[in-house]
């Protein structure tokens, strides 16, 4: 997955494949999985510390080689 089109949520094939694997392995809850499927990022509580969180960031939103970002240079997927 070298580039990603952020024009519509839930449209990225690779992200949805990871979502299925991570949901089946119970890494992501159902709610976290739905958020991840939209744009490729998620947040979840850190199990060993009740005050911490794990942040999974989609770096394609900042990839200067992602030609899809030429169409819209704003915050794709409202990640930031």
C-alpha atoms as a PDB file:
ATOM      1  CA  UNK A   1       0.000   0.000   0.000  1.00  0.00           C
ATOM      2  CA  UNK A   2       2.160   2.857  -1.262  1.00  0.00           C
ATOM      3  CA  UNK A   3      -0.653   5.326  -1.927  1.00  0.00           C
ATOM      4  CA  UNK A   4      -4.162   5.798  -0.602  1.00  0.00           C
ATOM      5  CA  UNK A   5      -7.178   7.635  -1.955  1.00  0.00           C
ATOM      6  CA  UNK A   6      -8.887   9.520   0.894  1.00  0.00           C
ATOM      7  CA  UNK A   7     -11.903  10.614  -1.152  1.00  0.00           C
ATOM      8  CA  UNK A   8     -14.317   8.141   0.512  1.00  0.00           C
ATOM      9  CA  UNK A   9     -14.312   6.212   3.812  1.00  0.00           C
ATOM     10  CA  UNK A  10     -14.166   2.391   3.841  1.00  0.00           C
ATOM     11  CA  UNK A  11     -12.887   2.290   0.250  1.00  0.00           C
ATOM     12  CA  UNK A  12      -9.317   1.044   0.720  1.00  0.00           C
ATOM     13  CA  UNK A  13      -8.885  -2.674   0.005  1.00  0.00           C
ATOM     14  CA  UNK A  14      -5.683  -3.156   2.037  1.00  0.00           C
ATOM     15  CA  UNK A  15      -7.043  -1.370   5.094  1.00  0.00           C
ATOM     16  CA  UNK A  16     -10.149  -3.543   5.068  1.00  0.00           C
ATOM     17  CA  UNK A  17      -8.024  -6.704   4.824  1.00  0.00           C
ATOM     18  CA  UNK A  18      -5.991  -5.643   7.874  1.00  0.00           C
ATOM     19  CA  UNK A  19      -9.222  -4.739   9.657  1.00  0.00           C
ATOM     20  CA  UNK A  20     -10.530  -8.266   9.146  1.00  0.00           C
ATOM     21  CA  UNK A  21      -7.322  -9.870  10.445  1.00  0.00           C
ATOM     22  CA  UNK A  22      -7.020  -7.575  13.450  1.00  0.00           C
ATOM     23  CA  UNK A  23     -10.694  -7.985  14.370  1.00  0.00           C
ATOM     24  CA  UNK A  24     -10.494 -11.779  14.080  1.00  0.00           C
ATOM     25  CA  UNK A  25      -7.366 -11.830  16.268  1.00  0.00           C
ATOM     26  CA  UNK A  26      -9.154  -9.550  18.770  1.00  0.00           C
ATOM     27  CA  UNK A  27      -6.510  -6.806  18.468  1.00  0.00           C
ATOM     28  CA  UNK A  28      -9.285  -4.342  17.581  1.00  0.00           C
ATOM     29  CA  UNK A  29     -12.740  -4.239  19.133  1.00  0.00           C
ATOM     30  CA  UNK A  30     -15.767  -3.909  16.859  1.00  0.00           C
ATOM     31  CA  UNK A  31     -15.913  -0.126  17.407  1.00  0.00           C
ATOM     32  CA  UNK A  32     -12.149   0.314  16.844  1.00  0.00           C
ATOM     33  CA  UNK A  33     -12.398  -1.841  13.746  1.00  0.00           C
ATOM     34  CA  UNK A  34     -15.128   0.358  12.256  1.00  0.00           C
ATOM     35  CA  UNK A  35     -13.020   3.486  12.851  1.00  0.00           C
ATOM     36  CA  UNK A  36      -9.928   1.845  11.336  1.00  0.00           C
ATOM     37  CA  UNK A  37     -11.867   0.728   8.234  1.00  0.00           C
ATOM     38  CA  UNK A  38     -12.877   4.313   7.404  1.00  0.00           C
ATOM     39  CA  UNK A  39      -9.427   5.871   6.966  1.00  0.00           C
ATOM     40  CA  UNK A  40      -6.773   3.524   8.365  1.00  0.00           C
ATOM     41  CA  UNK A  41      -6.191   4.899  11.858  1.00  0.00           C
ATOM     42  CA  UNK A  42      -7.493   4.002  15.318  1.00  0.00           C
ATOM     43  CA  UNK A  43      -7.141   4.651  19.033  1.00  0.00           C
ATOM     44  CA  UNK A  44      -7.592   2.159  21.853  1.00  0.00           C
ATOM     45  CA  UNK A  45      -6.925   1.991  25.597  1.00  0.00           C
ATOM     46  CA  UNK A  46      -3.505   0.694  26.581  1.00  0.00           C
ATOM     47  CA  UNK A  47      -4.220  -2.507  28.522  1.00  0.00           C
ATOM     48  CA  UNK A  48      -1.308  -2.193  30.973  1.00  0.00           C
ATOM     49  CA  UNK A  49      -2.003   1.389  32.017  1.00  0.00           C
ATOM     50  CA  UNK A  50      -5.532   2.706  32.433  1.00  0.00           C
ATOM     51  CA  UNK A  51      -4.419   6.257  31.557  1.00  0.00           C
ATOM     52  CA  UNK A  52      -2.611   5.423  28.306  1.00  0.00           C
ATOM     53  CA  UNK A  53      -3.800   4.876  24.749  1.00  0.00           C
ATOM     54  CA  UNK A  54      -2.415   3.171  21.664  1.00  0.00           C
ATOM     55  CA  UNK A  55      -2.616   5.369  18.578  1.00  0.00           C
ATOM     56  CA  UNK A  56      -2.434   3.729  15.160  1.00  0.00           C
ATOM     57  CA  UNK A  57      -1.689   6.466  12.620  1.00  0.00           C
ATOM     58  CA  UNK A  58      -2.092   6.203   8.854  1.00  0.00           C
ATOM     59  CA  UNK A  59       1.089   7.750   7.470  1.00  0.00           C
ATOM     60  CA  UNK A  60      -0.277   7.822   3.908  1.00  0.00           C
ATOM     61  CA  UNK A  61      -1.913  11.117   4.885  1.00  0.00           C
ATOM     62  CA  UNK A  62       1.605  12.658   5.026  1.00  0.00           C
ATOM     63  CA  UNK A  63       3.308  10.716   2.239  1.00  0.00           C
ATOM     64  CA  UNK A  64       4.612  13.265  -0.269  1.00  0.00           C
ATOM     65  CA  UNK A  65       4.708  10.496  -2.910  1.00  0.00           C
ATOM     66  CA  UNK A  66       0.961   9.760  -2.509  1.00  0.00           C
ATOM     67  CA  UNK A  67      -0.410  11.290  -5.716  1.00  0.00           C
ATOM     68  CA  UNK A  68      -3.993  11.136  -4.403  1.00  0.00           C
ATOM     69  CA  UNK A  69      -3.159  13.969  -1.999  1.00  0.00           C
ATOM     70  CA  UNK A  70      -2.574  16.358  -4.910  1.00  0.00           C
ATOM     71  CA  UNK A  71      -6.363  16.588  -5.284  1.00  0.00           C
ATOM     72  CA  UNK A  72      -6.951  17.656  -1.663  1.00  0.00           C
ATOM     73  CA  UNK A  73      -4.068  18.899   0.521  1.00  0.00           C
ATOM     74  CA  UNK A  74      -6.182  19.247   3.689  1.00  0.00           C
ATOM     75  CA  UNK A  75      -6.282  16.728   6.538  1.00  0.00           C
ATOM     76  CA  UNK A  76      -7.415  13.577   4.681  1.00  0.00           C
ATOM     77  CA  UNK A  77      -9.611  11.340   6.789  1.00  0.00           C
ATOM     78  CA  UNK A  78      -9.721  13.969   9.572  1.00  0.00           C
ATOM     79  CA  UNK A  79      -6.897  12.138  11.321  1.00  0.00           C
ATOM     80  CA  UNK A  80      -5.023  15.125  12.683  1.00  0.00           C
END
